[in-house]
Every structure is written in C-alpha cells, then in structure tokens.
Amino acid sequence: MTTPVIPPGSDTRSTRATPSRPAHRLPFWVNQRLGLLVLVVGLSALFGVVQPTFLDERLVLFPLVRDVSTLTVVALAQMVVLSVGHMNLAVGRMAAFGALFAGLGYDRLGLPLPLGLLLCLCAGAAIGALTGWIITRTGVSSFVVTLAMDFALLGLVSLLYSALTENAAFTTKPSGLAELRSYSLADICVGPVCGSPVIPQLAQFTVLALLGLGFLYGATRIGRELLLTGANPAAAELSGIPTGRRVILAHTLSGLLAALAGFMAAVSTGTFRASIGDDFMLPSFLGSVLGGTLLTGGVVSVVGALLGTALVGVIRKGLDLLGVGLESLNVYLGCVLLLALSADRVRTVVSHRKVVRST
C-alpha cells in the first residue's frame, strides 16, 4: 500500500482528521412518513368538519378503508418493481388475470374460498415471473415489456371471459365471500372486547402484505440485494449479486401482489369480471411514490406506500362528498402525482449532493 507524498513546506493541517460534526436533524417537513400521517389525519378532520357525513362509520369510513386496503396492495405491487429500478404498467391487467382464475375456480371447479385465492396468487406470480424472465432474457426496458404485456392480457382476459361466461363475469360466490366483503373487526370479539367497525376483515390481506414486505426489505439478504440491484445494477453484478434473478423475483412478487389486489377488488364488488384493475395504474404510482419510493430504484418505504395510498383515498372520498366531478377529481389526482414525481427528483438530487460532499 502506497502512502501519499506530502510536498515540503505544505500545510499538513489539512490532512489531519477533523472532528466529525453532529448530524443535522432533518426538518419536520422532510420526514415524509410523518408528514403524510399528519396530512391524512388533518384532511380527515377537515372533511369531517366541512361535511359531517365523511365520519359516518358504515356508509363512508368502512368502504374508504376497504378501498385503501386494496389500493395499498396495488401500490406495494408497483413498489416491488420500482425497488429494482423497473416499473409495471401491466399491474391492473395482472390483477384481472389473477381474479379470472379465482372466479374460474369458484364457478367451474367448486373450490372453497382459500383454494381459489391460492389459485389466483399462483396465476399472478406466474405471469409476473414470465414478464421478469422476458425482461432479463431480451434486455428490453421494463416499460416496453410491461406495456406489451398490458395489451396482451387485455385481449386474453376479455377473450377468456367471453368464452367461459355468459355475462362476462363469474358470479358464483363461495362460502365466506359475502362475510369477507361486509364484515368488519366489530364482528370479531374476544370476550366483551370487539374490534373497530371501520376496519374491514378484508384488510387482513393488506396487513400480511405489509408485514411480509417489511420483513423482506428490512431483515433479509434478498431484500438488500433487491435494493442494491435498483441502486446500481453494474455494481451489484460485480459484487456477485444475481441481478437477473432478483429482477425476476421482483416481477414475480409484483404479479402476486397485483393478483391479490384483484381478488380483493372482486370480493369488494361481489363479482369476478374482466374490468377488474382498469383503474389501478394511477393509484399504483401515487401510493408508492408519495410514500417515498424512488422511481430510479434502491429506496422503498412499505409504510409510506400505505400512508400515500391513504392520503389519496381521503382526498378522493372527501372531494367526492363535496360534489367534485370525476373529471375534476382526476385533474387533482394528476397534479398530486406530478408533485410527487417532482419531489422524487428533488430527493434524488439531494441524495446525490450528499454523496458528493461526503467523498
């Protein structure tokens, strides 16, 4: 190992180690998750004051939490592929594809509720794995591949529903589906203590997804390798990380979560139909990016995806109760996504500058 040569007469004080300065605490508004939580609570209180109907537990809050539960899983499906620097434009069609197999299992095979869900998840994971395999084998951008997959699944799902059903929907309801749709935690009691009537039993799937991904990214080597693959694929490859396998894994998880969201959406409506997932694209990016996940990969926030989705859900429901039309509502949500993308770019620049300063 060579040592640096110091020219005679030069000031050696600059080469001495300087005492480290205490790290500056981030301002309140920079703490994104806390800020999102404050916004969700504040806007809920504001809408409750302006329109008291907003606080109706059964008519408003229960459906709102049920929708947020489903769309949080959609945001997690997008977050997983964003973690490796990819995106999934077919997240809605994968949801419809998975729900198709669940409906087919209930209608034609007479499967019980859990087995139909398992078939749904397997179908979603399979189509996600196929998408990831195509990306790694061809080297084509995930944008192009998932866009092509979106169109392919759009036609395939429609054709299968037309061939297998009379009204383009599976209407057979297995035992337990109606209860899963309408029951809340208030229907679960331990002695005299019951749960909240606001939280649907359907939210149990969202909680499991949040816990699973939180453990994956926070406590496992595979999770760290997924993030490293997104942060710097070349460096990850040189470090011995099988980046191709990690990309396939990310898309497999994305397809599985999309199928779970499709199942939850079908349970919420009571039918398995081809139009499931048609409106999943915008919420998938809104929830994940608002929550702190970088579009460039390498950084995710599981809790942030939940809070970002909850914020969008509160805004949507509040404005709807105030009489804002669907067109205006979409404009507002588009503006929110634009602000979120701008914030994502700002975070990337700030992170880069911090790295440059530290070197």
Protein backbone atom coordinates (compact mmCIF):
# COMPACT_ATOMS: atom_id res chain seq x y z
CA MET A 1 0.00 0.00 0.00
CA THR A 2 1.41 3.38 -1.01
CA THR A 3 1.25 6.46 1.17
CA PRO A 4 0.61 9.93 -0.24
CA VAL A 5 3.67 12.10 -0.75
CA ILE A 6 3.43 15.50 1.00
CA PRO A 7 5.43 18.25 -0.71
CA PRO A 8 7.92 20.06 1.54
CA GLY A 9 6.54 23.20 3.13
CA SER A 10 2.94 22.21 2.60
CA ASP A 11 0.42 22.69 5.38
CA THR A 12 -0.22 19.30 6.90
CA ARG A 13 -3.11 20.54 8.99
CA SER A 14 -5.48 19.94 6.13
CA THR A 15 -4.60 16.25 6.15
CA ARG A 16 -5.45 15.75 9.78
CA ALA A 17 -8.70 14.14 10.70
CA THR A 18 -11.19 16.76 11.67
CA PRO A 19 -13.68 16.02 14.41
CA SER A 20 -16.99 14.94 12.98
CA ARG A 21 -19.77 17.43 13.36
CA PRO A 22 -23.06 16.30 14.78
CA ALA A 23 -25.52 15.31 12.11
CA HIS A 24 -28.20 17.87 11.45
CA ARG A 25 -31.69 16.77 12.25
CA LEU A 26 -34.00 16.81 9.31
CA PRO A 27 -36.71 19.46 9.40
CA PHE A 28 -40.21 18.26 10.22
CA TRP A 29 -41.46 18.57 6.67
CA VAL A 30 -38.64 16.42 5.35
CA ASN A 31 -39.76 13.44 7.40
CA GLN A 32 -42.05 12.19 4.70
CA ARG A 33 -43.90 9.48 6.51
CA LEU A 34 -44.70 11.67 9.49
CA GLY A 35 -45.80 14.42 7.13
CA LEU A 36 -48.10 12.03 5.28
CA LEU A 37 -49.61 10.86 8.56
CA VAL A 38 -50.29 14.43 9.61
CA LEU A 39 -51.88 15.17 6.22
CA VAL A 40 -54.12 12.11 6.39
CA VAL A 41 -55.33 12.94 9.90
CA GLY A 42 -55.66 16.66 9.17
CA LEU A 43 -57.58 16.24 5.93
CA SER A 44 -59.87 13.65 7.53
CA ALA A 45 -60.68 16.10 10.32
CA LEU A 46 -61.18 18.93 7.81
CA PHE A 47 -63.54 16.92 5.63
CA GLY A 48 -65.37 15.77 8.75
CA VAL A 49 -65.98 19.37 9.79
CA VAL A 50 -66.97 20.59 6.32
CA GLN A 51 -69.07 17.51 5.52
CA PRO A 52 -70.08 15.56 8.68
CA THR A 53 -71.18 12.63 6.53
CA PHE A 54 -67.50 11.90 5.98
CA LEU A 55 -67.28 10.50 9.53
CA ASP A 56 -70.13 8.03 9.06
CA GLU A 57 -68.58 4.71 10.05
CA ARG A 58 -70.65 2.33 7.95
CA LEU A 59 -71.52 4.37 4.87
CA VAL A 60 -68.21 6.22 4.33
CA LEU A 61 -65.31 5.13 6.52
CA PHE A 62 -65.79 1.38 6.12
CA PRO A 63 -65.84 1.49 2.27
CA LEU A 64 -62.99 4.02 2.34
CA VAL A 65 -60.74 1.77 4.44
CA ARG A 66 -61.70 -1.20 2.27
CA ASP A 67 -60.69 0.66 -0.88
CA VAL A 68 -57.48 1.90 0.75
CA SER A 69 -56.65 -1.68 1.75
CA THR A 70 -56.99 -2.87 -1.84
CA LEU A 71 -55.10 0.06 -3.39
CA THR A 72 -52.30 -0.26 -0.82
CA VAL A 73 -51.64 -3.75 -2.15
CA VAL A 74 -51.64 -2.26 -5.67
CA ALA A 75 -49.07 0.33 -4.55
CA LEU A 76 -46.95 -2.42 -3.00
CA ALA A 77 -47.07 -4.33 -6.30
CA GLN A 78 -45.62 -1.29 -8.04
CA MET A 79 -43.16 -0.58 -5.22
CA VAL A 80 -41.54 -4.00 -5.53
CA VAL A 81 -40.53 -3.47 -9.17
CA LEU A 82 -39.56 0.14 -8.52
CA SER A 83 -37.11 -1.17 -5.93
CA VAL A 84 -35.02 -2.69 -8.75
CA GLY A 85 -35.40 0.36 -10.99
CA HIS A 86 -38.20 -1.13 -13.11
CA MET A 87 -41.90 -0.40 -13.45
CA ASN A 88 -45.01 -2.48 -14.08
CA LEU A 89 -47.51 -0.91 -16.45
CA ALA A 90 -49.50 -4.16 -16.52
CA VAL A 91 -50.33 -4.17 -12.83
CA GLY A 92 -54.06 -3.75 -13.50
CA ARG A 93 -54.21 -6.49 -16.13
CA MET A 94 -52.28 -8.86 -13.88
CA ALA A 95 -54.91 -8.19 -11.22
CA ALA A 96 -57.66 -9.11 -13.71
CA PHE A 97 -55.69 -12.18 -14.82
CA GLY A 98 -55.37 -13.48 -11.27
CA ALA A 99 -59.00 -12.73 -10.43
CA LEU A 100 -60.03 -14.63 -13.58
CA PHE A 101 -58.51 -17.84 -12.22
CA ALA A 102 -60.12 -17.34 -8.82
CA GLY A 103 -63.54 -16.84 -10.43
CA LEU A 104 -62.95 -19.84 -12.69
CA GLY A 105 -62.07 -21.98 -9.70
CA TYR A 106 -65.19 -20.98 -7.81
CA ASP A 107 -67.56 -21.20 -10.77
CA ARG A 108 -66.33 -24.29 -12.63
CA LEU A 109 -64.28 -26.25 -10.10
CA GLY A 110 -66.30 -25.51 -6.99
CA LEU A 111 -63.21 -24.59 -5.00
CA PRO A 112 -63.53 -23.25 -1.46
CA LEU A 113 -62.56 -19.63 -0.80
CA PRO A 114 -58.94 -20.26 0.32
CA LEU A 115 -58.08 -22.55 -2.60
CA GLY A 116 -59.50 -20.09 -5.10
CA LEU A 117 -57.33 -17.37 -3.57
CA LEU A 118 -54.29 -19.65 -3.81
CA LEU A 119 -55.03 -20.32 -7.49
CA CYS A 120 -55.35 -16.57 -8.04
CA LEU A 121 -51.97 -15.88 -6.41
CA CYS A 122 -50.24 -18.64 -8.39
CA ALA A 123 -51.58 -17.22 -11.66
CA GLY A 124 -50.41 -13.72 -10.77
CA ALA A 125 -46.97 -14.92 -9.69
CA ALA A 126 -46.62 -16.95 -12.91
CA ILE A 127 -47.45 -14.04 -15.23
CA GLY A 128 -45.16 -11.78 -13.21
CA ALA A 129 -42.31 -14.29 -13.42
CA LEU A 130 -42.83 -14.57 -17.19
CA THR A 131 -42.63 -10.79 -17.50
CA GLY A 132 -39.40 -10.64 -15.48
CA TRP A 133 -37.90 -13.50 -17.49
CA ILE A 134 -38.64 -11.74 -20.78
CA ILE A 135 -37.00 -8.55 -19.49
CA THR A 136 -33.83 -10.31 -18.35
CA ARG A 137 -33.51 -12.51 -21.43
CA THR A 138 -34.13 -9.80 -24.01
CA GLY A 139 -32.68 -6.79 -22.22
CA VAL A 140 -35.69 -4.74 -23.31
CA SER A 141 -36.85 -1.97 -20.98
CA SER A 142 -39.47 -2.92 -18.39
CA PHE A 143 -41.56 -0.03 -19.71
CA VAL A 144 -41.82 -1.65 -23.13
CA VAL A 145 -42.27 -5.22 -21.91
CA THR A 146 -44.94 -4.44 -19.31
CA LEU A 147 -46.76 -2.17 -21.76
CA ALA A 148 -46.84 -5.03 -24.28
CA MET A 149 -47.95 -7.41 -21.51
CA ASP A 150 -50.74 -5.00 -20.60
CA PHE A 151 -52.15 -5.10 -24.14
CA ALA A 152 -51.70 -8.88 -24.38
CA LEU A 153 -53.52 -9.52 -21.11
CA LEU A 154 -56.25 -7.04 -22.05
CA GLY A 155 -57.14 -9.16 -25.06
CA LEU A 156 -56.55 -12.53 -23.38
CA VAL A 157 -58.65 -11.82 -20.30
CA SER A 158 -61.52 -10.45 -22.38
CA LEU A 159 -61.45 -13.48 -24.67
CA LEU A 160 -61.43 -15.93 -21.76
CA TYR A 161 -64.34 -14.22 -20.03
CA SER A 162 -66.33 -14.21 -23.28
CA ALA A 163 -65.62 -17.89 -23.85
CA LEU A 164 -66.22 -19.08 -20.28
CA THR A 165 -69.12 -16.89 -19.14
CA GLU A 166 -72.39 -15.56 -20.48
CA ASN A 167 -72.31 -12.07 -18.95
CA ALA A 168 -68.51 -11.53 -18.96
CA ALA A 169 -68.37 -12.24 -15.22
CA PHE A 170 -68.19 -15.12 -12.77
CA THR A 171 -70.99 -14.65 -10.27
CA THR A 172 -70.65 -17.82 -8.18
CA LYS A 173 -69.96 -16.83 -4.59
CA PRO A 174 -68.19 -19.42 -2.45
CA SER A 175 -68.96 -19.77 1.22
CA GLY A 176 -67.37 -16.96 3.20
CA LEU A 177 -67.04 -14.42 0.39
CA ALA A 178 -70.08 -12.36 1.43
CA GLU A 179 -68.83 -12.23 5.02
CA LEU A 180 -65.34 -11.24 3.89
CA ARG A 181 -66.88 -8.42 1.87
CA SER A 182 -69.17 -6.93 4.51
CA TYR A 183 -67.81 -7.95 7.91
CA SER A 184 -65.56 -5.68 9.96
CA LEU A 185 -63.41 -6.21 13.03
CA ALA A 186 -66.52 -5.38 15.08
CA ASP A 187 -67.72 -8.87 14.18
CA ILE A 188 -64.66 -10.38 15.87
CA CYS A 189 -64.85 -10.34 19.64
CA VAL A 190 -62.63 -11.70 22.38
CA GLY A 191 -64.94 -11.87 25.33
CA PRO A 192 -66.59 -8.47 25.74
CA VAL A 193 -63.94 -6.71 23.60
CA CYS A 194 -64.69 -6.26 19.89
CA GLY A 195 -62.78 -4.66 17.07
CA SER A 196 -63.44 -1.44 15.19
CA PRO A 197 -66.44 -1.29 12.84
CA VAL A 198 -64.39 0.91 10.50
CA ILE A 199 -61.75 -1.71 9.63
CA PRO A 200 -62.95 -4.43 7.22
CA GLN A 201 -61.84 -8.02 7.59
CA LEU A 202 -60.51 -7.73 4.03
CA ALA A 203 -57.71 -5.55 5.45
CA GLN A 204 -56.06 -8.66 6.91
CA PHE A 205 -54.54 -9.35 3.48
CA THR A 206 -53.07 -5.85 3.38
CA VAL A 207 -51.56 -6.25 6.83
CA LEU A 208 -49.97 -9.56 5.82
CA ALA A 209 -48.53 -7.97 2.66
CA LEU A 210 -47.14 -5.03 4.63
CA LEU A 211 -45.54 -7.29 7.24
CA GLY A 212 -44.11 -9.62 4.61
CA LEU A 213 -42.51 -6.88 2.54
CA GLY A 214 -41.34 -5.03 5.63
CA PHE A 215 -39.52 -8.16 6.76
CA LEU A 216 -38.17 -8.82 3.25
CA TYR A 217 -36.60 -5.39 2.78
CA GLY A 218 -35.66 -4.75 6.39
CA ALA A 219 -34.29 -8.05 7.64
CA THR A 220 -33.25 -10.31 4.75
CA ARG A 221 -30.28 -10.51 2.43
CA ILE A 222 -32.54 -10.93 -0.60
CA GLY A 223 -34.28 -7.65 0.23
CA ARG A 224 -30.96 -5.82 0.43
CA GLU A 225 -29.90 -7.37 -2.86
CA LEU A 226 -33.12 -6.16 -4.49
CA LEU A 227 -32.36 -2.61 -3.34
CA LEU A 228 -28.72 -2.82 -4.44
CA THR A 229 -29.84 -4.06 -7.85
CA GLY A 230 -32.03 -1.00 -8.20
CA ALA A 231 -29.45 1.45 -6.84
CA ASN A 232 -26.59 0.33 -9.10
CA PRO A 233 -27.09 -2.77 -11.27
CA ALA A 234 -23.49 -2.81 -12.54
CA ALA A 235 -22.01 -2.61 -9.05
CA ALA A 236 -24.45 -5.23 -7.80
CA GLU A 237 -23.40 -7.57 -10.61
CA LEU A 238 -19.73 -7.06 -9.80
CA SER A 239 -20.48 -7.79 -6.14
CA GLY A 240 -21.76 -11.22 -7.04
CA ILE A 241 -25.48 -10.47 -6.78
CA PRO A 242 -27.51 -12.43 -9.35
CA THR A 243 -29.26 -9.33 -10.68
CA GLY A 244 -31.20 -11.24 -13.32
CA ARG A 245 -32.76 -13.50 -10.70
CA ARG A 246 -33.53 -10.55 -8.49
CA VAL A 247 -35.33 -8.79 -11.35
CA ILE A 248 -37.40 -11.93 -11.98
CA LEU A 249 -38.15 -12.18 -8.25
CA ALA A 250 -39.29 -8.55 -8.12
CA HIS A 251 -41.67 -9.03 -11.05
CA THR A 252 -42.92 -12.31 -9.58
CA LEU A 253 -43.78 -10.57 -6.31
CA SER A 254 -45.37 -7.73 -8.24
CA GLY A 255 -47.61 -10.15 -10.16
CA LEU A 256 -48.52 -11.98 -6.96
CA LEU A 257 -49.47 -8.75 -5.17
CA ALA A 258 -51.39 -7.50 -8.21
CA ALA A 259 -53.38 -10.75 -8.24
CA LEU A 260 -54.09 -10.35 -4.51
CA ALA A 261 -55.36 -6.82 -5.19
CA GLY A 262 -57.54 -8.18 -7.98
CA PHE A 263 -59.01 -10.77 -5.62
CA MET A 264 -59.70 -8.08 -3.01
CA ALA A 265 -61.36 -5.86 -5.63
CA ALA A 266 -63.54 -8.75 -6.77
CA VAL A 267 -64.56 -9.51 -3.18
CA SER A 268 -65.43 -5.82 -2.67
CA THR A 269 -67.76 -5.80 -5.70
CA GLY A 270 -69.03 -9.37 -5.32
CA THR A 271 -68.20 -10.45 -8.89
CA PHE A 272 -65.14 -11.57 -10.85
CA ARG A 273 -65.19 -9.66 -14.13
CA ALA A 274 -62.81 -8.53 -16.87
CA SER A 275 -62.85 -4.86 -15.87
CA ILE A 276 -61.12 -5.53 -12.53
CA GLY A 277 -57.94 -3.46 -12.31
CA ASP A 278 -58.87 -0.95 -15.01
CA ASP A 279 -58.20 1.95 -12.62
CA PHE A 280 -55.13 0.52 -10.85
CA MET A 281 -52.42 2.26 -12.86
CA LEU A 282 -52.56 5.76 -11.34
CA PRO A 283 -53.00 4.60 -7.71
CA SER A 284 -50.09 2.18 -8.05
CA PHE A 285 -47.69 5.05 -8.73
CA LEU A 286 -49.39 7.58 -6.46
CA GLY A 287 -49.23 5.42 -3.35
CA SER A 288 -45.68 4.20 -3.81
CA VAL A 289 -44.07 7.47 -4.98
CA LEU A 290 -45.92 9.61 -2.44
CA GLY A 291 -44.75 7.17 0.22
CA GLY A 292 -41.09 7.72 -0.58
CA THR A 293 -40.17 5.02 -3.09
CA LEU A 294 -37.71 6.30 -5.69
CA LEU A 295 -38.54 5.78 -9.36
CA THR A 296 -34.84 5.19 -10.01
CA GLY A 297 -34.73 2.25 -7.61
CA GLY A 298 -32.78 1.46 -4.47
CA VAL A 299 -35.14 3.09 -1.95
CA VAL A 300 -38.54 1.84 -0.81
CA SER A 301 -40.95 2.64 2.00
CA VAL A 302 -43.51 -0.03 2.87
CA VAL A 303 -45.28 2.09 5.49
CA GLY A 304 -45.03 5.08 3.17
CA ALA A 305 -46.98 3.19 0.48
CA LEU A 306 -49.80 2.69 2.98
CA LEU A 307 -49.80 6.35 4.03
CA GLY A 308 -49.56 7.62 0.45
CA THR A 309 -52.50 5.47 -0.60
CA ALA A 310 -54.50 6.56 2.45
CA LEU A 311 -53.86 10.22 1.59
CA VAL A 312 -55.12 9.74 -1.97
CA GLY A 313 -58.14 7.82 -0.70
CA VAL A 314 -59.07 10.53 1.80
CA ILE A 315 -58.72 13.25 -0.86
CA ARG A 316 -60.80 11.27 -3.35
CA LYS A 317 -63.59 10.47 -0.90
CA GLY A 318 -63.67 13.95 0.62
CA LEU A 319 -63.86 15.73 -2.73
CA ASP A 320 -66.48 13.26 -3.93
CA LEU A 321 -68.69 14.04 -0.91
CA LEU A 322 -68.21 17.75 -1.60
CA GLY A 323 -69.66 17.26 -5.09
CA VAL A 324 -66.47 17.47 -7.13
CA GLY A 325 -66.96 15.73 -10.50
CA LEU A 326 -64.92 12.78 -11.70
CA GLU A 327 -63.12 14.84 -14.35
CA SER A 328 -62.04 17.49 -11.85
CA LEU A 329 -61.07 14.80 -9.38
CA ASN A 330 -58.76 13.18 -11.93
CA VAL A 331 -57.16 16.56 -12.60
CA TYR A 332 -56.43 17.00 -8.89
CA LEU A 333 -55.00 13.49 -8.59
CA GLY A 334 -52.85 14.08 -11.66
CA CYS A 335 -51.48 17.23 -10.04
CA VAL A 336 -50.73 15.26 -6.87
CA LEU A 337 -48.80 12.69 -8.92
CA LEU A 338 -46.87 15.48 -10.68
CA LEU A 339 -45.91 16.97 -7.32
CA ALA A 340 -44.88 13.54 -6.09
CA LEU A 341 -42.67 12.99 -9.14
CA SER A 342 -41.11 16.42 -8.63
CA ALA A 343 -40.42 15.55 -5.00
CA ASP A 344 -38.87 12.27 -6.16
CA ARG A 345 -36.50 14.20 -8.42
CA VAL A 346 -35.59 16.62 -5.63
CA ARG A 347 -34.81 13.70 -3.28
CA THR A 348 -32.57 12.15 -5.92
CA VAL A 349 -30.61 15.38 -6.44
CA VAL A 350 -30.25 15.99 -2.70
CA SER A 351 -29.04 12.42 -2.11
CA HIS A 352 -26.51 12.78 -4.93
CA ARG A 353 -25.17 16.05 -3.49
CA LYS A 354 -24.79 14.48 -0.05
CA VAL A 355 -22.77 11.65 -1.56
CA VAL A 356 -20.56 14.11 -3.44
CA ARG A 357 -19.94 16.16 -0.27
CA SER A 358 -19.01 13.09 1.74
CA THR A 359 -16.37 11.97 -0.79
